[in-house]
């Protein structure tokens, strides 16, 4: 084959980067899937809490305890979810994805107003009725405790993409 060639060039392909890219896509897909699952559980939990007289403000303060910063980042969300029995999250990026989905003006933090808009949009998508009653504290529920109490999300597209709520500002 190469009897008439003076020089032969051999190109060696390094596939480590391609494997890394595939791994990153898998991690991102797993994080998004887990974030959607936790988001659905959180919406069911917040809806249930509202129906029992717990205000959304009290629920929000669960993720911002004692700090009073008025916003929640991914670490505070992760700690709050763990305390509620919805964690620990299997994929670290899941909390980041969930914060980005809830936060309307930022993908790093969310506020009470962001949570309210996100909750109402997700309740609509999932066929849950929002409750506007006021109450006292925020209870602790285990993973999947509300799974059978709410109807399934009836083939509606997820509003999990950041900023895609379709809910008007107050």
N, C-alpha and C. Protein backbone atom coordinates (compact mmCIF):
# COMPACT_ATOMS: atom_id res chain seq x y z
N UNK A 1 0.79 -1.19 0.00
CA UNK A 1 0.00 0.00 0.00
C UNK A 1 0.84 1.26 0.00
N UNK A 2 1.82 1.34 0.87
CA UNK A 2 2.59 2.57 1.02
C UNK A 2 3.97 2.44 0.37
N UNK A 3 4.11 1.59 -0.60
CA UNK A 3 5.43 1.39 -1.20
C UNK A 3 5.90 2.59 -1.99
N UNK A 4 5.01 3.39 -2.55
CA UNK A 4 5.39 4.56 -3.33
C UNK A 4 5.39 5.86 -2.51
N UNK A 5 5.02 5.82 -1.27
CA UNK A 5 4.94 7.02 -0.44
C UNK A 5 6.26 7.28 0.25
N UNK A 6 6.66 8.55 0.26
CA UNK A 6 7.88 8.92 0.96
C UNK A 6 7.61 9.14 2.45
N UNK A 7 6.47 9.79 2.77
CA UNK A 7 6.11 10.04 4.16
C UNK A 7 4.69 9.54 4.39
N UNK A 8 4.48 8.99 5.55
CA UNK A 8 3.16 8.53 5.93
C UNK A 8 2.79 9.28 7.22
N UNK A 9 1.65 9.94 7.17
CA UNK A 9 1.16 10.65 8.37
C UNK A 9 0.06 9.81 9.00
N UNK A 10 0.15 9.69 10.28
CA UNK A 10 -0.87 8.96 11.01
C UNK A 10 -1.52 9.93 11.99
N UNK A 11 -2.82 10.00 11.92
CA UNK A 11 -3.56 10.88 12.83
C UNK A 11 -4.14 10.03 13.95
N UNK A 12 -3.79 10.38 15.13
CA UNK A 12 -4.28 9.65 16.29
C UNK A 12 -5.41 10.48 16.90
N UNK A 13 -6.54 9.85 17.09
CA UNK A 13 -7.71 10.55 17.61
C UNK A 13 -7.81 10.28 19.11
N UNK A 14 -7.92 11.37 19.84
CA UNK A 14 -8.08 11.26 21.29
C UNK A 14 -9.57 11.32 21.59
N UNK A 15 -10.12 10.23 22.06
CA UNK A 15 -11.56 10.16 22.31
C UNK A 15 -11.94 10.49 23.74
N UNK A 16 -10.95 10.83 24.56
CA UNK A 16 -11.27 11.14 25.96
C UNK A 16 -12.21 12.34 26.06
N UNK A 17 -12.00 13.35 25.22
CA UNK A 17 -12.87 14.54 25.25
C UNK A 17 -14.29 14.17 24.82
N UNK A 18 -14.42 13.33 23.82
CA UNK A 18 -15.74 12.91 23.38
C UNK A 18 -16.46 12.13 24.49
N UNK A 19 -15.75 11.28 25.19
CA UNK A 19 -16.33 10.53 26.30
C UNK A 19 -16.76 11.50 27.40
N UNK A 20 -15.91 12.50 27.67
CA UNK A 20 -16.26 13.51 28.68
C UNK A 20 -17.52 14.26 28.29
N UNK A 21 -17.66 14.63 27.01
CA UNK A 21 -18.85 15.33 26.55
C UNK A 21 -20.11 14.47 26.72
N UNK A 22 -20.00 13.20 26.39
CA UNK A 22 -21.13 12.29 26.55
C UNK A 22 -21.50 12.18 28.03
N UNK A 23 -20.49 12.06 28.90
CA UNK A 23 -20.75 12.00 30.34
C UNK A 23 -21.43 13.27 30.84
N UNK A 24 -20.99 14.43 30.38
CA UNK A 24 -21.59 15.70 30.80
C UNK A 24 -23.04 15.79 30.33
N UNK A 25 -23.32 15.31 29.12
CA UNK A 25 -24.71 15.30 28.63
C UNK A 25 -25.57 14.39 29.49
N UNK A 26 -25.03 13.24 29.88
CA UNK A 26 -25.76 12.31 30.74
C UNK A 26 -26.03 12.94 32.11
N UNK A 27 -25.03 13.60 32.67
CA UNK A 27 -25.20 14.25 33.98
C UNK A 27 -26.25 15.35 33.87
N UNK A 28 -26.19 16.15 32.81
CA UNK A 28 -27.16 17.23 32.62
C UNK A 28 -28.57 16.67 32.46
N UNK A 29 -28.71 15.60 31.70
CA UNK A 29 -30.03 14.99 31.50
C UNK A 29 -30.56 14.41 32.81
N UNK A 30 -29.68 13.75 33.58
CA UNK A 30 -30.09 13.20 34.87
C UNK A 30 -30.47 14.30 35.85
N UNK A 31 -29.72 15.39 35.83
CA UNK A 31 -30.01 16.52 36.72
C UNK A 31 -31.36 17.13 36.38
N UNK A 32 -31.63 17.32 35.09
CA UNK A 32 -32.91 17.90 34.68
C UNK A 32 -34.07 16.99 35.04
N UNK A 33 -33.89 15.70 34.85
CA UNK A 33 -34.94 14.73 35.19
C UNK A 33 -35.21 14.72 36.69
N UNK A 34 -34.14 14.71 37.48
CA UNK A 34 -34.32 14.72 38.93
C UNK A 34 -34.92 16.05 39.40
N UNK A 35 -34.49 17.15 38.81
CA UNK A 35 -35.04 18.46 39.17
C UNK A 35 -36.54 18.51 38.87
N UNK A 36 -36.96 17.93 37.76
CA UNK A 36 -38.38 17.91 37.43
C UNK A 36 -39.16 17.06 38.42
N UNK A 37 -38.60 15.92 38.81
CA UNK A 37 -39.26 15.06 39.79
C UNK A 37 -39.40 15.77 41.13
N UNK A 38 -38.32 16.38 41.58
CA UNK A 38 -38.35 17.10 42.86
C UNK A 38 -39.27 18.31 42.76
N UNK A 39 -39.26 18.98 41.63
CA UNK A 39 -40.15 20.12 41.42
C UNK A 39 -41.61 19.70 41.56
N UNK A 40 -41.98 18.59 40.94
CA UNK A 40 -43.36 18.09 41.03
C UNK A 40 -43.72 17.76 42.48
N UNK A 41 -42.80 17.12 43.19
CA UNK A 41 -43.05 16.79 44.60
C UNK A 41 -43.18 18.06 45.43
N UNK A 42 -42.32 19.04 45.16
CA UNK A 42 -42.37 20.30 45.90
C UNK A 42 -43.69 21.03 45.65
N UNK A 43 -44.15 21.04 44.41
CA UNK A 43 -45.42 21.68 44.08
C UNK A 43 -46.57 20.98 44.81
N UNK A 44 -46.56 19.66 44.82
CA UNK A 44 -47.60 18.92 45.55
C UNK A 44 -47.54 19.24 47.04
N UNK A 45 -46.33 19.28 47.58
CA UNK A 45 -46.15 19.56 49.00
C UNK A 45 -46.63 20.97 49.35
N UNK A 46 -46.25 21.97 48.56
CA UNK A 46 -46.66 23.34 48.82
C UNK A 46 -48.17 23.51 48.66
N UNK A 47 -48.75 22.83 47.69
CA UNK A 47 -50.21 22.88 47.50
C UNK A 47 -50.92 22.26 48.69
N UNK A 48 -50.41 21.12 49.15
CA UNK A 48 -50.98 20.46 50.32
C UNK A 48 -50.84 21.35 51.56
N UNK A 49 -49.67 21.97 51.73
CA UNK A 49 -49.45 22.85 52.88
C UNK A 49 -50.43 24.03 52.85
N UNK A 50 -50.62 24.60 51.66
CA UNK A 50 -51.58 25.71 51.54
C UNK A 50 -53.00 25.25 51.89
N UNK A 51 -53.36 24.05 51.48
CA UNK A 51 -54.70 23.55 51.77
C UNK A 51 -54.90 23.31 53.26
N UNK A 52 -53.80 23.15 53.99
CA UNK A 52 -53.86 22.95 55.44
C UNK A 52 -53.66 24.25 56.20
N UNK A 53 -53.64 25.38 55.48
CA UNK A 53 -53.55 26.68 56.13
C UNK A 53 -52.16 27.26 56.27
N UNK A 54 -51.17 26.67 55.64
CA UNK A 54 -49.81 27.18 55.71
C UNK A 54 -49.62 28.18 54.57
N UNK A 55 -49.25 29.39 54.90
CA UNK A 55 -49.08 30.42 53.87
C UNK A 55 -47.83 30.13 53.04
N UNK A 56 -47.82 30.65 51.84
CA UNK A 56 -46.65 30.49 50.97
C UNK A 56 -45.45 31.22 51.57
N UNK A 57 -45.71 32.31 52.29
CA UNK A 57 -44.63 33.04 52.96
C UNK A 57 -43.95 32.16 54.00
N UNK A 58 -44.76 31.42 54.77
CA UNK A 58 -44.20 30.50 55.77
C UNK A 58 -43.42 29.38 55.09
N UNK A 59 -43.94 28.89 53.98
CA UNK A 59 -43.24 27.84 53.23
C UNK A 59 -41.92 28.36 52.70
N UNK A 60 -41.92 29.58 52.17
CA UNK A 60 -40.70 30.18 51.64
C UNK A 60 -39.66 30.35 52.75
N UNK A 61 -40.11 30.78 53.92
CA UNK A 61 -39.17 31.01 55.02
C UNK A 61 -38.51 29.71 55.47
N UNK A 62 -39.11 28.57 55.15
CA UNK A 62 -38.49 27.28 55.45
C UNK A 62 -37.16 27.13 54.71
N UNK A 63 -37.08 27.70 53.51
CA UNK A 63 -35.85 27.62 52.72
C UNK A 63 -34.90 28.77 53.02
N UNK A 64 -35.37 29.77 53.77
CA UNK A 64 -34.57 30.94 54.13
C UNK A 64 -34.66 31.15 55.64
N UNK A 65 -34.38 30.10 56.44
CA UNK A 65 -34.61 30.19 57.89
C UNK A 65 -33.60 31.09 58.59
N UNK A 66 -34.13 32.00 59.37
CA UNK A 66 -33.28 32.85 60.18
C UNK A 66 -32.42 33.84 59.42
N UNK A 67 -32.20 33.60 58.15
CA UNK A 67 -31.35 34.49 57.38
C UNK A 67 -32.11 35.72 56.93
N UNK A 68 -33.35 35.52 56.54
CA UNK A 68 -34.17 36.64 56.11
C UNK A 68 -33.61 37.38 54.92
N UNK A 69 -32.83 36.71 54.10
CA UNK A 69 -32.21 37.36 52.95
C UNK A 69 -33.23 37.71 51.87
N UNK A 70 -34.36 37.03 51.87
CA UNK A 70 -35.39 37.31 50.86
C UNK A 70 -35.18 36.58 49.56
N UNK A 71 -34.13 35.77 49.50
CA UNK A 71 -33.89 34.95 48.32
C UNK A 71 -33.28 33.61 48.75
N UNK A 72 -33.43 32.63 47.88
CA UNK A 72 -32.95 31.28 48.16
C UNK A 72 -32.01 30.86 47.04
N UNK A 73 -30.83 30.40 47.41
CA UNK A 73 -29.89 29.87 46.41
C UNK A 73 -29.94 28.35 46.42
N UNK A 74 -29.12 27.72 45.60
CA UNK A 74 -29.20 26.26 45.46
C UNK A 74 -28.81 25.54 46.75
N UNK A 75 -27.87 26.07 47.52
CA UNK A 75 -27.48 25.41 48.76
C UNK A 75 -28.61 25.47 49.80
N UNK A 76 -29.24 26.64 49.93
CA UNK A 76 -30.37 26.77 50.86
C UNK A 76 -31.53 25.88 50.41
N UNK A 77 -31.77 25.81 49.11
CA UNK A 77 -32.82 24.93 48.59
C UNK A 77 -32.51 23.48 48.91
N UNK A 78 -31.27 23.08 48.70
CA UNK A 78 -30.85 21.70 48.97
C UNK A 78 -31.06 21.36 50.46
N UNK A 79 -30.68 22.26 51.35
CA UNK A 79 -30.86 22.02 52.79
C UNK A 79 -32.34 21.93 53.15
N UNK A 80 -33.15 22.83 52.58
CA UNK A 80 -34.59 22.80 52.84
C UNK A 80 -35.25 21.54 52.33
N UNK A 81 -34.86 21.10 51.14
CA UNK A 81 -35.43 19.87 50.57
C UNK A 81 -35.05 18.66 51.43
N UNK A 82 -33.81 18.63 51.91
CA UNK A 82 -33.38 17.54 52.78
C UNK A 82 -34.22 17.51 54.05
N UNK A 83 -34.48 18.67 54.63
CA UNK A 83 -35.27 18.75 55.85
C UNK A 83 -36.71 18.29 55.61
N UNK A 84 -37.21 18.47 54.39
CA UNK A 84 -38.57 18.04 54.06
C UNK A 84 -38.66 16.58 53.65
N UNK A 85 -37.51 15.94 53.52
CA UNK A 85 -37.51 14.55 53.09
C UNK A 85 -37.53 14.39 51.59
N UNK A 86 -37.29 15.47 50.85
CA UNK A 86 -37.26 15.40 49.39
C UNK A 86 -35.83 15.28 48.88
N UNK A 87 -34.88 15.11 49.74
CA UNK A 87 -33.49 14.98 49.35
C UNK A 87 -32.90 13.81 50.11
N UNK A 88 -31.63 13.58 50.05
CA UNK A 88 -30.68 14.37 49.29
C UNK A 88 -30.83 14.14 47.79
N UNK A 89 -30.44 15.13 47.04
CA UNK A 89 -30.51 15.02 45.59
C UNK A 89 -29.37 14.13 45.11
N UNK A 90 -29.68 13.25 44.17
CA UNK A 90 -28.68 12.33 43.65
C UNK A 90 -27.66 13.03 42.76
N UNK A 91 -28.10 14.04 42.04
CA UNK A 91 -27.24 14.77 41.12
C UNK A 91 -27.10 16.19 41.65
N UNK A 92 -25.87 16.62 41.89
CA UNK A 92 -25.62 17.92 42.50
C UNK A 92 -26.22 19.07 41.70
N UNK A 93 -26.22 18.97 40.39
CA UNK A 93 -26.71 20.04 39.53
C UNK A 93 -28.23 20.18 39.58
N UNK A 94 -28.93 19.21 40.17
CA UNK A 94 -30.39 19.25 40.22
C UNK A 94 -30.90 20.47 40.97
N UNK A 95 -30.28 20.82 42.08
CA UNK A 95 -30.69 22.00 42.85
C UNK A 95 -30.47 23.26 42.02
N UNK A 96 -29.36 23.31 41.28
CA UNK A 96 -29.11 24.46 40.42
C UNK A 96 -30.18 24.58 39.35
N UNK A 97 -30.56 23.45 38.75
CA UNK A 97 -31.60 23.46 37.72
C UNK A 97 -32.93 23.91 38.30
N UNK A 98 -33.25 23.46 39.50
CA UNK A 98 -34.52 23.82 40.12
C UNK A 98 -34.54 25.30 40.48
N UNK A 99 -33.45 25.82 41.01
CA UNK A 99 -33.37 27.26 41.31
C UNK A 99 -33.52 28.07 40.02
N UNK A 100 -32.87 27.62 38.95
CA UNK A 100 -32.98 28.33 37.67
C UNK A 100 -34.40 28.29 37.14
N UNK A 101 -35.11 27.20 37.37
CA UNK A 101 -36.49 27.08 36.89
C UNK A 101 -37.43 27.98 37.69
N UNK A 102 -37.19 28.10 38.98
CA UNK A 102 -38.07 28.91 39.83
C UNK A 102 -37.74 30.39 39.69
N UNK A 103 -36.46 30.73 39.66
CA UNK A 103 -36.04 32.13 39.60
C UNK A 103 -36.35 32.75 38.26
N UNK A 104 -37.14 33.80 38.25
CA UNK A 104 -37.55 34.43 37.00
C UNK A 104 -36.52 35.44 36.52
N UNK A 105 -35.91 36.16 37.44
CA UNK A 105 -34.95 37.20 37.05
C UNK A 105 -33.51 36.70 37.12
N UNK A 106 -33.30 35.57 37.76
CA UNK A 106 -31.95 35.06 37.95
C UNK A 106 -31.97 33.54 37.94
N UNK A 107 -30.89 32.95 37.48
CA UNK A 107 -30.80 31.50 37.56
C UNK A 107 -29.94 31.08 38.76
N UNK A 108 -29.60 32.05 39.62
CA UNK A 108 -28.79 31.76 40.80
C UNK A 108 -29.60 31.76 42.09
N UNK A 109 -30.69 32.54 42.14
CA UNK A 109 -31.54 32.63 43.33
C UNK A 109 -32.99 32.78 42.90
N UNK A 110 -33.91 32.53 43.86
CA UNK A 110 -35.30 32.85 43.62
C UNK A 110 -35.87 33.55 44.84
N UNK A 111 -36.93 34.35 44.61
CA UNK A 111 -37.57 35.11 45.67
C UNK A 111 -38.95 34.52 45.94
N UNK A 112 -39.63 35.07 46.94
CA UNK A 112 -41.00 34.64 47.25
C UNK A 112 -41.91 34.85 46.04
N UNK A 113 -41.76 35.98 45.38
CA UNK A 113 -42.60 36.26 44.21
C UNK A 113 -42.33 35.25 43.09
N UNK A 114 -41.05 34.90 42.90
CA UNK A 114 -40.70 33.88 41.90
C UNK A 114 -41.35 32.54 42.25
N UNK A 115 -41.28 32.18 43.53
CA UNK A 115 -41.86 30.91 43.97
C UNK A 115 -43.37 30.91 43.75
N UNK A 116 -44.01 32.03 44.03
CA UNK A 116 -45.46 32.13 43.84
C UNK A 116 -45.83 31.92 42.37
N UNK A 117 -45.13 32.59 41.47
CA UNK A 117 -45.43 32.46 40.04
C UNK A 117 -45.15 31.04 39.55
N UNK A 118 -44.03 30.48 39.99
CA UNK A 118 -43.68 29.12 39.60
C UNK A 118 -44.72 28.13 40.11
N UNK A 119 -45.12 28.29 41.37
CA UNK A 119 -46.09 27.38 41.97
C UNK A 119 -47.42 27.43 41.22
N UNK A 120 -47.91 28.62 40.93
CA UNK A 120 -49.20 28.75 40.24
C UNK A 120 -49.13 28.15 38.83
N UNK A 121 -48.03 28.39 38.12
CA UNK A 121 -47.89 27.83 36.77
C UNK A 121 -47.82 26.31 36.82
N UNK A 122 -47.08 25.77 37.77
CA UNK A 122 -46.95 24.32 37.88
C UNK A 122 -48.25 23.69 38.37
N UNK A 123 -48.97 24.37 39.26
CA UNK A 123 -50.27 23.86 39.70
C UNK A 123 -51.21 23.76 38.51
N UNK A 124 -51.18 24.76 37.65
CA UNK A 124 -52.02 24.74 36.46
C UNK A 124 -51.63 23.59 35.53
N UNK A 125 -50.33 23.41 35.32
CA UNK A 125 -49.84 22.34 34.45
C UNK A 125 -50.22 20.98 34.99
N UNK A 126 -50.16 20.84 36.31
CA UNK A 126 -50.40 19.54 36.94
C UNK A 126 -51.87 19.31 37.26
N UNK A 127 -52.72 20.30 37.02
CA UNK A 127 -54.14 20.15 37.30
C UNK A 127 -54.49 20.25 38.77
N UNK A 128 -53.65 20.95 39.53
CA UNK A 128 -53.90 21.16 40.96
C UNK A 128 -54.58 22.50 41.16
N UNK A 129 -55.43 22.59 42.17
CA UNK A 129 -56.09 23.86 42.46
C UNK A 129 -55.29 24.61 43.51
N UNK A 130 -54.93 25.87 43.22
CA UNK A 130 -54.20 26.65 44.23
C UNK A 130 -55.11 27.02 45.39
N UNK A 131 -54.52 27.20 46.52
CA UNK A 131 -55.25 27.58 47.73
C UNK A 131 -54.65 28.88 48.23
N UNK A 132 -55.47 29.81 48.65
CA UNK A 132 -54.96 31.11 49.09
C UNK A 132 -55.11 31.33 50.58
N UNK A 133 -55.38 30.28 51.36
CA UNK A 133 -55.57 30.44 52.81
C UNK A 133 -54.25 30.78 53.49
N UNK A 134 -54.35 31.42 54.63
CA UNK A 134 -53.18 31.79 55.42
C UNK A 134 -53.07 30.83 56.60
N UNK A 135 -51.88 30.64 57.11
CA UNK A 135 -51.73 29.72 58.21
C UNK A 135 -50.51 30.01 59.05
N UNK A 136 -50.06 29.00 59.78
CA UNK A 136 -48.99 29.21 60.74
C UNK A 136 -47.66 28.62 60.28
N UNK A 137 -47.35 27.41 60.62
CA UNK A 137 -46.03 26.85 60.36
C UNK A 137 -45.97 26.02 59.10
N UNK A 138 -44.84 25.39 58.90
CA UNK A 138 -44.62 24.54 57.73
C UNK A 138 -44.28 23.15 58.20
N UNK A 139 -45.07 22.17 57.84
CA UNK A 139 -44.86 20.80 58.30
C UNK A 139 -43.79 20.08 57.52
N UNK A 140 -43.40 18.92 58.00
CA UNK A 140 -42.41 18.09 57.34
C UNK A 140 -43.09 16.83 56.84
N UNK A 141 -42.88 16.52 55.58
CA UNK A 141 -43.48 15.36 54.96
C UNK A 141 -42.37 14.53 54.33
N UNK A 142 -42.54 13.23 54.29
CA UNK A 142 -41.54 12.36 53.71
C UNK A 142 -41.64 12.30 52.19
N UNK A 143 -40.61 11.75 51.58
CA UNK A 143 -40.56 11.61 50.13
C UNK A 143 -41.75 10.81 49.64
N UNK A 144 -42.47 11.35 48.67
CA UNK A 144 -43.59 10.65 48.06
C UNK A 144 -44.86 10.66 48.89
N UNK A 145 -44.89 11.40 49.98
CA UNK A 145 -46.06 11.37 50.87
C UNK A 145 -47.32 11.87 50.19
N UNK A 146 -47.16 12.73 49.20
CA UNK A 146 -48.32 13.32 48.54
C UNK A 146 -48.57 12.74 47.16
N UNK A 147 -47.84 11.73 46.81
CA UNK A 147 -47.90 11.19 45.46
C UNK A 147 -49.31 10.78 45.05
N UNK A 148 -50.10 10.21 45.96
CA UNK A 148 -51.42 9.72 45.61
C UNK A 148 -52.53 10.74 45.84
N UNK A 149 -52.19 11.93 46.34
CA UNK A 149 -53.22 12.91 46.68
C UNK A 149 -53.48 13.91 45.57
N UNK A 150 -52.68 13.92 44.53
CA UNK A 150 -52.87 14.90 43.46
C UNK A 150 -53.00 14.18 42.12
N UNK A 151 -53.80 14.73 41.20
CA UNK A 151 -53.92 14.11 39.88
C UNK A 151 -52.61 14.22 39.11
N UNK A 152 -52.42 13.32 38.18
CA UNK A 152 -51.21 13.34 37.36
C UNK A 152 -51.21 14.54 36.43
N UNK A 153 -50.03 14.95 36.01
CA UNK A 153 -49.90 16.07 35.08
C UNK A 153 -50.38 15.61 33.72
N UNK A 154 -51.56 15.96 33.36
CA UNK A 154 -52.27 15.42 32.20
C UNK A 154 -51.69 15.89 30.87
N UNK A 155 -50.63 15.25 30.44
CA UNK A 155 -50.02 15.49 29.13
C UNK A 155 -49.80 16.96 28.81
N UNK A 156 -49.62 17.78 29.82
CA UNK A 156 -49.34 19.18 29.58
C UNK A 156 -47.83 19.36 29.56
N UNK A 157 -47.34 20.24 28.71
CA UNK A 157 -45.89 20.46 28.68
C UNK A 157 -45.43 21.08 29.99
N UNK A 158 -44.25 20.72 30.40
CA UNK A 158 -43.70 21.22 31.65
C UNK A 158 -43.33 22.69 31.53
N UNK A 159 -43.57 23.43 32.58
CA UNK A 159 -43.16 24.83 32.65
C UNK A 159 -41.81 24.91 33.35
N UNK A 160 -41.01 23.87 33.22
CA UNK A 160 -39.76 23.79 33.95
C UNK A 160 -38.67 24.62 33.32
N UNK A 161 -38.82 25.06 32.10
CA UNK A 161 -37.84 25.90 31.46
C UNK A 161 -37.86 27.27 32.13
N UNK A 162 -36.72 27.78 32.56
CA UNK A 162 -36.70 29.06 33.25
C UNK A 162 -37.39 30.16 32.46
N UNK A 163 -38.23 30.92 33.16
CA UNK A 163 -38.89 32.07 32.54
C UNK A 163 -40.07 31.74 31.66
N UNK A 164 -40.52 30.50 31.63
CA UNK A 164 -41.61 30.13 30.72
C UNK A 164 -42.90 29.88 31.47
N UNK A 165 -43.27 30.78 32.35
CA UNK A 165 -44.40 30.57 33.22
C UNK A 165 -45.74 30.87 32.57
N UNK A 166 -45.81 31.90 31.76
CA UNK A 166 -47.08 32.29 31.19
C UNK A 166 -48.01 32.88 32.25
N UNK A 167 -47.46 33.37 33.35
CA UNK A 167 -48.22 33.96 34.43
C UNK A 167 -47.89 35.44 34.48
N UNK A 168 -48.90 36.26 34.54
CA UNK A 168 -48.69 37.71 34.58
C UNK A 168 -48.18 38.14 35.94
N UNK A 169 -47.41 39.21 35.97
CA UNK A 169 -46.96 39.78 37.24
C UNK A 169 -48.11 40.37 37.99
N UNK A 170 -47.96 40.45 39.33
CA UNK A 170 -48.98 41.06 40.17
C UNK A 170 -49.06 42.55 39.91
